Amino acid sequence: MTSHDAQLRARTQDLRQALDLAGDRLDPDVADTVATAIAGVSERLALGVDHTVVALAGGTGSGKSSLFNRLTRLDFADVGAKRPTTARITACAWSEDATSLLDWLEVDHERRITRGGELDGVNEEAISGLVLLDLPDHDSIEPAHREVVDRVLPLVDVLVWVVDPQKYADDALHSGYLRKSVGLEASMVVVLNQIDTVPPTRRDTLAGDMSRLLQEDGLSGVFVAMVSAKTGEGLDELRELLEQAVARRSVSASRVAGELDRAGELLLSQTPGDVPWSMSAAVEQEVRSLGEAAGLAAVAGQVSAAVRNGYGRPEFSPVQGDAVTLSRGRWLARAGRSLRPGWRRSLEESVASADTIIARTTAALAKVSLDTRGPTSARATRTTAFVALAVGIVTGAVSILGSLGTLDLDDGLTTALAIVAAVSVVVAVGSFLAGVQIRRTLARRREQAVVASGLGAIERVVQENLARPTQALLDEHRQVRELAQSARDTTKVAPLTGAVRLPTAADLESLSTGEDHGRHSAPPSPAP
């Protein structure tokens, strides 16, 4: 296996892995297209890329069967009246080892021939490995003809569109095929056949008009050749183009790479860039919202009041269902803003339902401690205050009675008792105030603890039921995008451009490995 083969197989595997990972979140048509591309590429790689499959495709009357016979120097393909009656492919192989490839292309055994120089002494070495196909008319009134064309086109390596100078602008060709081939310019040629019917003075204009139409189709750099299967004009140049295509060993590989590139582009269309939002900010917003829906602040305030007052039984009320539904909807809208419909649907299925969030939030808040007990020092402080107050009252009364002469006390003792009474009252008042302050401080701390514990419990619910499923889906979305990007071609092979202007095999090998890009100038513009 060559390094190029290994690279193509790795890209195919990346594409397959991306398709499997995305699953039913892709648009069905996109998924089918990508799966078909993977299957076709895998089959083509299994057959190897030593052969170059060139297909002549075109509409009724374009003369491609006559062109096939002239290129092969054999009278083998059906022409004229026979042409519209068959949906079978005709093939000529310049190789003895093309049987498996032709079987894969579903070419009937009686419609294939092997070409060698020993037939007529002509040296065919330059196109050894070429497999030339003559396809049914794509515009035939028989649906089976178009079905064959549509089946084979994605499987070939070089596509030669043979067009009639009178019908080169046919919409069936441009809208049905050419506009759908953007990205495959490196393996496409347009041949204006029957050029003998066009006056020489109009030929340059005709070729230029064809090039303009190709540009309008989105195809840049496709080579336009002018030939006549009847007179042989331009056939040598066309054969030389095929010879150089065969010599360009990456032709088959570039066709495969083009299919992978288009399939990867389709997947990228289903997986836009990173979702523009912050997970942490979204979690914080919904935690606050659910906290309000659960009445967390009110319950924390009730705990604070109960601690201050010494009574009360706070409890959480049922979480407001409408608020939870609104929160979940807001989450889905923000997280799915840049996602395609299939991914948004998967996101909605991944996160928990509103009823589940309500139940789990209620259960989580039920575990939050609502401690309304007073401070442990409350009894000692209260006892100290009452004792000091009692002492103050007793000593104050005795002091007053002594000062009034009711009791026979000397002046010193009366004064001492008055001082003790005053100090006791101050101690009693201070103890009461200290007790109140201790309760207030404890009430504030308990309130803060309830809020913190409640928010923590709600955050765990949000993380488990919204954030984690969302992050898992976004991670898969990112992985699909990265795999699709890696499946795409990072270097572009130049379109076929005719005599002496194709990149050499060494150039292409350097391009495929990314080495020394600066040494190669851009390919010249296609000649008319």
Protein backbone atom coordinates (compact mmCIF):
# COMPACT_ATOMS: atom_id res chain seq x y z
CA MET A 1 0.00 0.00 0.00
CA THR A 2 1.42 3.44 -0.95
CA SER A 3 1.46 6.36 1.43
CA HIS A 4 -1.21 7.99 -0.73
CA ASP A 5 -3.40 4.90 -0.46
CA ALA A 6 -2.93 4.91 3.31
CA GLN A 7 -3.88 8.57 3.47
CA LEU A 8 -7.04 8.01 1.44
CA ARG A 9 -8.00 5.02 3.56
CA ALA A 10 -7.45 7.06 6.73
CA ARG A 11 -9.62 9.87 5.37
CA THR A 12 -12.31 7.35 4.42
CA GLN A 13 -12.20 5.93 7.94
CA ASP A 14 -12.52 9.44 9.40
CA LEU A 15 -15.56 10.04 7.23
CA ARG A 16 -17.10 6.71 8.24
CA GLN A 17 -16.48 7.43 11.91
CA ALA A 18 -18.03 10.89 11.58
CA LEU A 19 -21.10 9.41 9.89
CA ASP A 20 -21.49 6.76 12.60
CA LEU A 21 -21.03 9.33 15.35
CA ALA A 22 -23.57 11.75 13.87
CA GLY A 23 -26.12 8.98 13.35
CA ASP A 24 -29.70 10.08 12.76
CA ARG A 25 -28.88 13.68 13.64
CA LEU A 26 -27.93 14.31 10.01
CA ASP A 27 -30.33 15.23 7.26
CA PRO A 28 -31.35 11.87 5.71
CA ASP A 29 -30.38 12.95 2.20
CA VAL A 30 -26.95 14.08 3.39
CA ALA A 31 -26.45 10.87 5.35
CA ASP A 32 -27.39 8.76 2.31
CA THR A 33 -25.08 10.76 0.04
CA VAL A 34 -22.14 10.46 2.43
CA ALA A 35 -22.79 6.75 3.00
CA THR A 36 -22.90 6.17 -0.77
CA ALA A 37 -19.63 8.07 -1.20
CA ILE A 38 -17.96 6.03 1.53
CA ALA A 39 -19.16 2.76 0.00
CA GLY A 40 -18.00 3.76 -3.48
CA VAL A 41 -14.63 5.02 -2.30
CA SER A 42 -14.06 1.92 -0.19
CA GLU A 43 -14.79 -0.33 -3.15
CA ARG A 44 -12.56 1.75 -5.42
CA LEU A 45 -9.70 1.65 -2.93
CA ALA A 46 -10.14 -2.09 -2.50
CA LEU A 47 -9.54 -2.45 -6.24
CA GLY A 48 -6.45 -0.27 -6.00
CA VAL A 49 -5.64 2.89 -7.91
CA ASP A 50 -3.31 1.39 -10.50
CA HIS A 51 -5.94 1.70 -13.20
CA THR A 52 -7.28 4.98 -14.51
CA VAL A 53 -10.97 4.74 -15.41
CA VAL A 54 -11.98 7.30 -18.04
CA ALA A 55 -15.64 7.58 -19.02
CA LEU A 56 -17.02 9.22 -22.13
CA ALA A 57 -20.38 10.72 -21.16
CA GLY A 58 -22.73 12.84 -23.16
CA GLY A 59 -26.13 13.26 -24.73
CA THR A 60 -27.79 11.78 -27.75
CA GLY A 61 -26.02 12.70 -30.97
CA SER A 62 -22.84 13.93 -29.30
CA GLY A 63 -20.79 11.29 -31.14
CA LYS A 64 -19.07 9.80 -28.12
CA SER A 65 -19.34 6.23 -29.41
CA SER A 66 -17.60 7.24 -32.61
CA LEU A 67 -15.02 9.03 -30.49
CA PHE A 68 -14.61 5.85 -28.39
CA ASN A 69 -13.91 3.84 -31.55
CA ARG A 70 -11.40 6.38 -32.82
CA LEU A 71 -9.54 6.55 -29.49
CA THR A 72 -9.37 2.76 -29.21
CA ARG A 73 -8.67 2.32 -32.95
CA LEU A 74 -11.38 -0.36 -32.86
CA ASP A 75 -14.89 -0.55 -34.30
CA PHE A 76 -16.40 -1.84 -31.07
CA ALA A 77 -18.88 0.66 -29.62
CA ASP A 78 -22.44 0.90 -30.97
CA VAL A 79 -23.04 3.95 -33.12
CA GLY A 80 -25.86 5.39 -35.15
CA ALA A 81 -29.20 3.58 -35.06
CA LYS A 82 -28.01 1.03 -32.50
CA ARG A 83 -27.15 3.70 -30.00
CA PRO A 84 -30.56 4.51 -28.41
CA THR A 85 -31.45 0.84 -27.95
CA THR A 86 -28.89 -0.15 -25.33
CA ALA A 87 -28.27 0.85 -21.75
CA ARG A 88 -25.10 -1.21 -21.59
CA ILE A 89 -21.62 0.16 -21.00
CA THR A 90 -18.86 -0.50 -23.51
CA ALA A 91 -15.31 -0.78 -22.16
CA CYS A 92 -11.82 -1.02 -23.54
CA ALA A 93 -8.98 -1.83 -21.14
CA TRP A 94 -5.28 -1.32 -21.79
CA SER A 95 -4.55 -3.88 -19.10
CA GLU A 96 -4.85 -7.63 -18.58
CA ASP A 97 -5.68 -7.12 -14.88
CA ALA A 98 -8.84 -5.03 -15.16
CA THR A 99 -11.36 -7.88 -14.83
CA SER A 100 -12.23 -7.18 -11.18
CA LEU A 101 -12.52 -3.48 -11.89
CA LEU A 102 -14.83 -4.06 -14.86
CA ASP A 103 -16.92 -6.47 -12.80
CA TRP A 104 -17.25 -3.77 -10.14
CA LEU A 105 -18.33 -1.31 -12.83
CA GLU A 106 -20.89 -3.91 -13.99
CA VAL A 107 -19.66 -4.00 -17.57
CA ASP A 108 -21.07 -7.05 -19.37
CA HIS A 109 -18.38 -9.49 -20.49
CA GLU A 110 -19.42 -9.27 -24.14
CA ARG A 111 -19.17 -5.45 -23.95
CA ARG A 112 -15.52 -5.32 -22.86
CA ILE A 113 -12.31 -5.70 -24.83
CA THR A 114 -8.63 -5.61 -23.99
CA ARG A 115 -6.45 -3.41 -26.19
CA GLY A 116 -2.79 -4.08 -26.86
CA GLY A 117 -0.27 -2.87 -29.37
CA GLU A 118 0.14 -6.39 -30.73
CA LEU A 119 -3.16 -5.91 -32.62
CA ASP A 120 -1.80 -3.42 -35.09
CA GLY A 121 1.77 -2.74 -34.11
CA VAL A 122 0.86 0.57 -32.46
CA ASN A 123 2.75 1.34 -29.25
CA GLU A 124 0.12 1.65 -26.53
CA GLU A 125 2.59 1.67 -23.64
CA ALA A 126 1.83 5.31 -22.82
CA ILE A 127 -1.75 4.48 -21.81
CA SER A 128 -1.10 1.16 -20.13
CA GLY A 129 -3.60 0.81 -17.28
CA LEU A 130 -6.27 2.95 -18.95
CA VAL A 131 -9.87 1.70 -18.85
CA LEU A 132 -12.04 3.65 -21.30
CA LEU A 133 -15.83 3.50 -20.93
CA ASP A 134 -18.54 4.49 -23.37
CA LEU A 135 -21.64 5.30 -21.29
CA PRO A 136 -25.28 5.38 -22.43
CA ASP A 137 -26.77 8.76 -23.34
CA HIS A 138 -27.62 10.72 -20.21
CA ASP A 139 -30.57 12.41 -21.95
CA SER A 140 -32.09 9.24 -23.38
CA ILE A 141 -35.85 8.83 -23.19
CA GLU A 142 -35.19 5.47 -21.55
CA PRO A 143 -34.91 5.94 -17.75
CA ALA A 144 -32.62 2.90 -17.53
CA HIS A 145 -29.97 4.74 -19.55
CA ARG A 146 -29.76 7.61 -17.12
CA GLU A 147 -29.76 5.20 -14.18
CA VAL A 148 -26.63 3.56 -15.58
CA VAL A 149 -24.97 6.95 -16.09
CA ASP A 150 -25.85 8.13 -12.57
CA ARG A 151 -24.53 4.89 -11.09
CA VAL A 152 -21.21 4.91 -12.94
CA LEU A 153 -20.23 8.59 -12.87
CA PRO A 154 -19.23 8.63 -9.17
CA LEU A 155 -17.05 5.56 -9.75
CA VAL A 156 -14.80 6.81 -12.56
CA ASP A 157 -11.50 8.62 -12.24
CA VAL A 158 -11.61 10.95 -15.24
CA LEU A 159 -14.86 12.14 -16.76
CA VAL A 160 -14.87 13.31 -20.38
CA TRP A 161 -18.07 15.13 -21.25
CA VAL A 162 -18.59 14.88 -25.01
CA VAL A 163 -20.91 17.63 -26.22
CA ASP A 164 -22.47 18.59 -29.52
CA PRO A 165 -21.53 22.11 -30.68
CA GLN A 166 -25.22 22.69 -31.28
CA LYS A 167 -26.31 21.56 -27.76
CA TYR A 168 -23.38 22.48 -25.50
CA ALA A 169 -25.61 24.82 -23.46
CA ASP A 170 -28.24 22.11 -22.82
CA ASP A 171 -29.71 22.67 -19.34
CA ALA A 172 -30.05 18.92 -18.77
CA LEU A 173 -26.26 18.68 -18.85
CA HIS A 174 -25.49 21.79 -16.83
CA SER A 175 -28.16 21.57 -14.13
CA GLY A 176 -28.31 17.80 -14.06
CA TYR A 177 -24.60 17.06 -13.91
CA LEU A 178 -22.01 19.81 -14.27
CA ARG A 179 -23.24 22.02 -11.43
CA LYS A 180 -23.21 19.00 -9.15
CA SER A 181 -19.56 18.27 -9.97
CA VAL A 182 -17.99 21.29 -8.29
CA GLY A 183 -14.81 20.15 -6.60
CA LEU A 184 -14.03 17.50 -9.22
CA GLU A 185 -12.44 19.82 -11.78
CA ALA A 186 -9.11 17.97 -11.46
CA SER A 187 -10.67 14.90 -13.05
CA MET A 188 -12.90 16.40 -15.71
CA VAL A 189 -12.56 17.39 -19.38
CA VAL A 190 -15.15 18.81 -21.77
CA VAL A 191 -14.79 17.79 -25.41
CA LEU A 192 -16.55 19.75 -28.14
CA ASN A 193 -16.99 16.98 -30.70
CA GLN A 194 -17.98 17.33 -34.36
CA ILE A 195 -15.88 20.47 -34.53
CA ASP A 196 -15.65 19.86 -38.29
CA THR A 197 -19.20 21.22 -38.51
CA VAL A 198 -18.13 24.56 -37.02
CA PRO A 199 -16.45 27.19 -39.21
CA PRO A 200 -12.84 27.86 -38.10
CA THR A 201 -13.65 31.50 -37.45
CA ARG A 202 -16.23 30.53 -34.80
CA ARG A 203 -14.27 27.87 -32.95
CA ASP A 204 -12.45 30.14 -30.50
CA THR A 205 -15.72 31.87 -29.68
CA LEU A 206 -17.41 28.49 -29.16
CA ALA A 207 -14.68 27.26 -26.81
CA GLY A 208 -14.74 30.54 -24.90
CA ASP A 209 -18.51 30.36 -24.54
CA MET A 210 -18.26 26.80 -23.22
CA SER A 211 -15.63 27.90 -20.69
CA ARG A 212 -17.88 30.75 -19.57
CA LEU A 213 -20.79 28.37 -19.00
CA LEU A 214 -18.53 26.09 -16.95
CA GLN A 215 -17.48 29.05 -14.82
CA GLU A 216 -21.15 29.90 -14.26
CA ASP A 217 -21.66 26.29 -13.17
CA GLY A 218 -18.99 26.85 -10.51
CA LEU A 219 -16.35 24.78 -12.32
CA SER A 220 -13.00 26.53 -12.48
CA GLY A 221 -10.17 25.49 -14.78
CA VAL A 222 -11.90 22.65 -16.66
CA PHE A 223 -10.07 22.00 -19.92
CA VAL A 224 -12.14 22.40 -23.09
CA ALA A 225 -10.89 20.39 -26.09
CA MET A 226 -12.14 20.54 -29.69
CA VAL A 227 -12.10 17.32 -31.72
CA SER A 228 -13.77 15.62 -34.63
CA ALA A 229 -14.31 11.88 -34.43
CA LYS A 230 -15.16 12.01 -38.12
CA THR A 231 -12.04 13.74 -39.47
CA GLY A 232 -9.66 12.91 -36.62
CA GLU A 233 -8.97 16.57 -35.90
CA GLY A 234 -7.82 17.06 -32.30
CA LEU A 235 -7.66 13.32 -31.58
CA ASP A 236 -3.91 13.27 -31.14
CA GLU A 237 -4.15 16.04 -28.56
CA LEU A 238 -6.98 14.20 -26.75
CA ARG A 239 -4.98 10.95 -26.72
CA GLU A 240 -2.01 12.88 -25.36
CA LEU A 241 -4.27 14.23 -22.62
CA LEU A 242 -5.28 10.67 -21.73
CA GLU A 243 -1.65 9.56 -21.80
CA GLN A 244 -0.68 12.30 -19.39
CA ALA A 245 -3.67 11.48 -17.22
CA VAL A 246 -2.52 7.87 -16.97
CA ALA A 247 1.03 9.02 -16.27
CA ARG A 248 -0.31 11.18 -13.50
CA ARG A 249 -0.52 8.30 -11.06
CA SER A 250 -2.72 10.25 -8.68
CA VAL A 251 -5.60 10.63 -11.13
CA SER A 252 -7.53 7.72 -9.63
CA ALA A 253 -6.56 8.83 -6.17
CA SER A 254 -7.53 12.44 -6.86
CA ARG A 255 -10.98 11.32 -7.99
CA VAL A 256 -11.36 9.37 -4.76
CA ALA A 257 -10.04 12.38 -2.85
CA GLY A 258 -12.59 14.57 -4.60
CA GLU A 259 -15.44 12.29 -3.53
CA LEU A 260 -14.16 12.34 0.05
CA ASP A 261 -13.80 16.11 -0.11
CA ARG A 262 -17.38 16.61 -1.25
CA ALA A 263 -18.73 14.17 1.33
CA GLY A 264 -16.72 15.93 4.04
CA GLU A 265 -18.09 19.27 2.90
CA LEU A 266 -21.63 17.91 3.17
CA LEU A 267 -20.96 16.80 6.74
CA LEU A 268 -19.49 20.20 7.57
CA SER A 269 -22.70 21.79 6.30
CA GLN A 270 -24.51 19.78 8.98
CA THR A 271 -22.06 20.74 11.74
CA PRO A 272 -21.44 24.50 11.82
CA GLY A 273 -18.62 25.97 13.89
CA ASP A 274 -18.49 26.09 17.67
CA VAL A 275 -21.75 26.98 19.38
CA PRO A 276 -21.39 30.61 20.53
CA TRP A 277 -22.22 30.30 24.22
CA SER A 278 -20.57 29.78 27.60
CA MET A 279 -21.53 26.65 29.53
CA SER A 280 -20.58 28.16 32.90
CA ALA A 281 -22.60 31.32 32.27
CA ALA A 282 -25.61 29.27 31.16
CA VAL A 283 -25.40 27.05 34.25
CA GLU A 284 -25.15 30.08 36.52
CA GLN A 285 -28.20 31.72 34.93
CA GLU A 286 -30.39 28.63 35.20
CA VAL A 287 -29.28 27.89 38.78
CA ARG A 288 -30.41 31.39 39.77
CA SER A 289 -33.66 30.93 37.85
CA LEU A 290 -34.43 27.57 39.49
CA GLY A 291 -33.47 29.00 42.88
CA GLU A 292 -36.11 31.68 42.41
CA ALA A 293 -38.62 29.07 41.22
CA ALA A 294 -37.99 27.05 44.40
CA GLY A 295 -38.31 30.12 46.68
CA LEU A 296 -34.80 29.56 48.02
CA ALA A 297 -34.30 33.13 49.25
CA ALA A 298 -37.66 33.12 51.06
CA VAL A 299 -36.92 29.84 52.84
CA ALA A 300 -33.47 31.09 53.84
CA GLY A 301 -35.14 34.21 55.27
CA GLN A 302 -37.55 32.05 57.24
CA VAL A 303 -34.60 30.13 58.72
CA SER A 304 -32.98 33.42 59.70
CA ALA A 305 -36.16 34.66 61.39
CA ALA A 306 -36.61 31.38 63.22
CA VAL A 307 -33.05 31.56 64.58
CA ARG A 308 -33.55 35.16 65.72
CA ASN A 309 -36.96 34.61 67.24
CA GLY A 310 -36.44 31.15 68.61
CA TYR A 311 -39.49 29.68 66.84
CA GLY A 312 -40.74 28.84 63.33
CA ARG A 313 -40.72 25.81 60.97
CA PRO A 314 -39.52 26.87 57.49
CA GLU A 315 -39.86 24.47 54.54
CA PHE A 316 -39.56 24.50 50.75
CA SER A 317 -42.71 24.88 48.67
CA PRO A 318 -43.15 22.86 45.46
CA VAL A 319 -40.97 24.19 42.63
CA GLN A 320 -42.88 26.34 40.13
CA GLY A 321 -43.43 24.18 37.04
CA ASP A 322 -43.85 27.07 34.61
CA ALA A 323 -40.56 28.58 35.69
CA VAL A 324 -38.75 25.25 35.20
CA THR A 325 -40.29 24.81 31.75
CA LEU A 326 -39.20 28.33 30.83
CA SER A 327 -35.68 27.67 32.13
CA ARG A 328 -35.35 24.44 30.15
CA GLY A 329 -36.66 26.09 26.99
CA ARG A 330 -34.21 28.95 27.37
CA TRP A 331 -31.36 26.47 27.82
CA LEU A 332 -32.30 24.57 24.66
CA ALA A 333 -32.65 27.78 22.66
CA ARG A 334 -29.21 29.01 23.67
CA ALA A 335 -27.38 25.71 23.31
CA GLY A 336 -29.07 24.82 20.01
CA ARG A 337 -28.89 28.24 18.39
CA SER A 338 -26.24 27.20 15.83
CA LEU A 339 -27.21 23.55 15.52
CA ARG A 340 -28.99 22.00 12.56
CA PRO A 341 -32.53 20.60 13.16
CA GLY A 342 -31.40 17.00 13.69
CA TRP A 343 -28.86 18.04 16.30
CA ARG A 344 -31.38 20.31 18.04
CA ARG A 345 -33.85 17.44 18.17
CA SER A 346 -31.17 15.20 19.67
CA LEU A 347 -30.30 17.90 22.20
CA GLU A 348 -33.90 18.17 23.32
CA GLU A 349 -34.07 14.39 23.70
CA SER A 350 -30.78 14.30 25.63
CA VAL A 351 -31.60 16.77 28.40
CA ALA A 352 -34.08 15.87 31.15
CA SER A 353 -37.74 16.81 30.85
CA ALA A 354 -39.23 19.64 32.90
CA ASP A 355 -41.07 17.16 35.14
CA THR A 356 -37.83 15.29 35.82
CA ILE A 357 -36.01 18.52 36.65
CA ILE A 358 -38.82 19.54 39.02
CA ALA A 359 -38.76 16.18 40.80
CA ARG A 360 -34.97 16.12 41.11
CA THR A 361 -34.79 19.73 42.25
CA THR A 362 -37.41 19.06 44.91
CA ALA A 363 -35.53 15.97 46.10
CA ALA A 364 -32.22 17.83 46.19
CA LEU A 365 -33.63 20.76 48.18
CA ALA A 366 -35.24 18.35 50.66
CA LYS A 367 -31.72 17.40 51.73
CA VAL A 368 -30.72 21.00 52.49
CA SER A 369 -30.42 21.59 56.24
CA LEU A 370 -32.92 24.15 57.64
CA ASP A 371 -31.41 24.45 61.12
CA THR A 372 -33.40 26.86 63.31
CA ARG A 373 -31.66 26.11 66.61
CA GLY A 374 -30.33 29.07 68.54
CA PRO A 375 -26.69 29.64 69.47
CA THR A 376 -25.15 27.17 71.91
CA SER A 377 -24.22 30.08 74.21
CA ALA A 378 -27.79 31.34 74.45
CA ARG A 379 -28.61 29.67 77.77
CA ALA A 380 -25.39 30.80 79.47
CA THR A 381 -25.83 34.35 78.21
CA ARG A 382 -29.45 34.44 79.29
CA THR A 383 -28.61 33.03 82.74
CA THR A 384 -25.83 35.56 83.19
CA ALA A 385 -28.17 38.38 82.25
CA PHE A 386 -30.93 37.27 84.66
CA VAL A 387 -28.50 36.70 87.57
CA ALA A 388 -26.84 40.06 87.00
CA LEU A 389 -30.22 41.73 86.78
CA ALA A 390 -31.39 40.05 90.00
CA VAL A 391 -28.21 41.07 91.81
CA GLY A 392 -28.61 44.58 90.52
CA ILE A 393 -32.22 44.79 91.69
CA VAL A 394 -31.48 43.42 95.17
CA THR A 395 -28.36 45.51 95.78
CA GLY A 396 -30.01 48.58 94.34
CA ALA A 397 -33.02 48.18 96.64
CA VAL A 398 -30.84 47.71 99.73
CA SER A 399 -28.78 50.73 98.75
CA ILE A 400 -31.89 52.86 98.37
CA LEU A 401 -33.28 51.72 101.72
CA GLY A 402 -29.95 52.45 103.38
CA SER A 403 -29.81 55.92 101.88
CA LEU A 404 -33.35 56.60 103.14
CA GLY A 405 -32.45 55.43 106.64
CA THR A 406 -34.87 52.58 106.55
CA LEU A 407 -31.96 50.26 107.01
CA ASP A 408 -29.16 51.13 109.38
CA LEU A 409 -26.22 51.11 106.96
CA ASP A 410 -23.20 53.31 107.03
CA ASP A 411 -22.58 55.55 104.08
CA GLY A 412 -19.66 53.51 102.70
CA LEU A 413 -21.67 50.31 102.53
CA THR A 414 -24.60 52.14 100.94
CA THR A 415 -22.32 53.59 98.27
CA ALA A 416 -20.71 50.16 97.62
CA LEU A 417 -24.11 48.53 97.21
CA ALA A 418 -25.16 51.27 94.77
CA ILE A 419 -22.01 50.65 92.70
CA VAL A 420 -22.63 46.87 92.69
CA ALA A 421 -26.23 47.47 91.62
CA ALA A 422 -25.17 49.70 88.76
CA VAL A 423 -22.51 47.28 87.53
CA SER A 424 -24.97 44.36 87.73
CA VAL A 425 -27.52 46.21 85.64
CA VAL A 426 -24.86 47.06 83.04
CA VAL A 427 -23.77 43.40 82.96
CA ALA A 428 -27.40 42.29 82.57
CA VAL A 429 -28.07 44.74 79.74
CA GLY A 430 -24.78 43.81 78.04
CA SER A 431 -25.56 40.12 78.30
CA PHE A 432 -28.99 40.64 76.78
CA LEU A 433 -27.54 42.73 73.92
CA ALA A 434 -24.74 40.24 73.35
CA GLY A 435 -27.29 37.42 73.17
CA VAL A 436 -29.33 39.36 70.62
CA GLN A 437 -26.23 40.07 68.51
CA ILE A 438 -25.11 36.45 68.66
CA ARG A 439 -28.53 35.36 67.45
CA ARG A 440 -28.51 37.88 64.62
CA THR A 441 -25.04 36.82 63.50
CA LEU A 442 -26.00 33.17 63.65
CA ALA A 443 -29.27 33.89 61.79
CA ARG A 444 -27.36 35.66 59.01
CA ARG A 445 -24.88 32.78 58.72
CA ARG A 446 -27.65 30.20 58.65
CA GLU A 447 -29.45 32.18 55.96
CA GLN A 448 -26.28 32.33 53.86
CA ALA A 449 -25.65 28.62 54.44
CA VAL A 450 -29.16 27.73 53.26
CA VAL A 451 -28.73 29.85 50.12
CA ALA A 452 -25.30 28.34 49.39
CA SER A 453 -26.43 24.78 50.05
CA GLY A 454 -29.59 25.28 48.02
CA LEU A 455 -27.75 26.78 45.08
CA GLY A 456 -25.22 23.96 45.26
CA ALA A 457 -27.99 21.37 45.22
CA ILE A 458 -29.70 23.09 42.29
CA GLU A 459 -26.41 23.40 40.41
CA ARG A 460 -25.86 19.66 40.72
CA VAL A 461 -29.33 19.12 39.26
CA VAL A 462 -28.57 21.53 36.38
CA GLN A 463 -25.19 19.95 35.73
CA GLU A 464 -26.55 16.41 35.74
CA ASN A 465 -29.75 17.02 33.79
CA LEU A 466 -28.87 19.89 31.44
CA ALA A 467 -25.16 20.65 31.27
CA ARG A 468 -23.64 17.17 30.99
CA PRO A 469 -26.00 15.86 28.28
CA THR A 470 -25.53 19.12 26.38
CA GLN A 471 -21.75 19.01 26.68
CA ALA A 472 -21.69 15.37 25.54
CA LEU A 473 -23.73 16.26 22.45
CA LEU A 474 -21.61 19.33 21.68
CA ASP A 475 -18.46 17.23 22.07
CA GLU A 476 -19.82 14.73 19.54
CA HIS A 477 -20.82 17.63 17.28
CA ARG A 478 -17.23 18.93 17.48
CA GLN A 479 -15.77 15.47 16.85
CA VAL A 480 -17.95 14.99 13.77
CA ARG A 481 -16.81 18.36 12.48
CA GLU A 482 -13.15 17.60 13.14
CA LEU A 483 -13.42 14.20 11.44
CA ALA A 484 -15.22 15.76 8.47
CA GLN A 485 -12.47 18.36 8.19
CA SER A 486 -9.76 15.72 8.33
CA ALA A 487 -11.57 13.75 5.61
CA ARG A 488 -11.38 16.73 3.28
CA ASP A 489 -8.52 17.29 0.86
CA THR A 490 -5.93 19.74 2.13
CA THR A 491 -4.23 20.07 -1.26
CA LYS A 492 -5.82 20.51 -4.62
CA VAL A 493 -4.63 18.70 -7.74
CA ALA A 494 -4.62 20.92 -10.80
CA PRO A 495 -7.26 20.24 -13.47
CA LEU A 496 -6.22 18.43 -16.64
CA THR A 497 -4.86 21.08 -18.96
CA GLY A 498 -3.67 19.37 -22.07
CA ALA A 499 -0.34 19.09 -23.81
CA VAL A 500 2.79 19.31 -21.67
CA ARG A 501 1.08 21.29 -18.94
CA LEU A 502 0.07 18.55 -16.51
CA PRO A 503 2.00 18.37 -13.21
CA THR A 504 4.51 15.56 -13.16
CA ALA A 505 4.21 12.54 -10.88
CA ALA A 506 6.98 14.03 -8.71
CA ASP A 507 5.09 17.33 -8.44
CA LEU A 508 1.95 15.56 -7.37
CA GLU A 509 3.76 13.39 -4.84
CA SER A 510 5.29 16.54 -3.34
CA LEU A 511 1.87 18.22 -3.22
CA SER A 512 0.26 15.18 -1.61
CA THR A 513 2.87 15.12 1.18
CA GLY A 514 2.89 18.88 1.65
CA GLU A 515 6.61 19.23 0.82
CA ASP A 516 8.20 22.28 -0.75
CA HIS A 517 5.04 23.90 -2.04
CA GLY A 518 6.89 27.03 -2.91
CA ARG A 519 8.80 25.42 -5.76
CA HIS A 520 5.70 24.80 -7.86
CA SER A 521 4.04 27.66 -9.59
CA ALA A 522 0.31 27.74 -10.12
CA PRO A 523 -0.89 25.79 -13.16
CA PRO A 524 -1.57 27.91 -16.23
CA SER A 525 -5.08 28.82 -17.25
CA PRO A 526 -6.79 26.26 -19.48
CA ALA A 527 -6.34 26.83 -23.16
CA PRO A 528 -9.44 26.96 -25.32
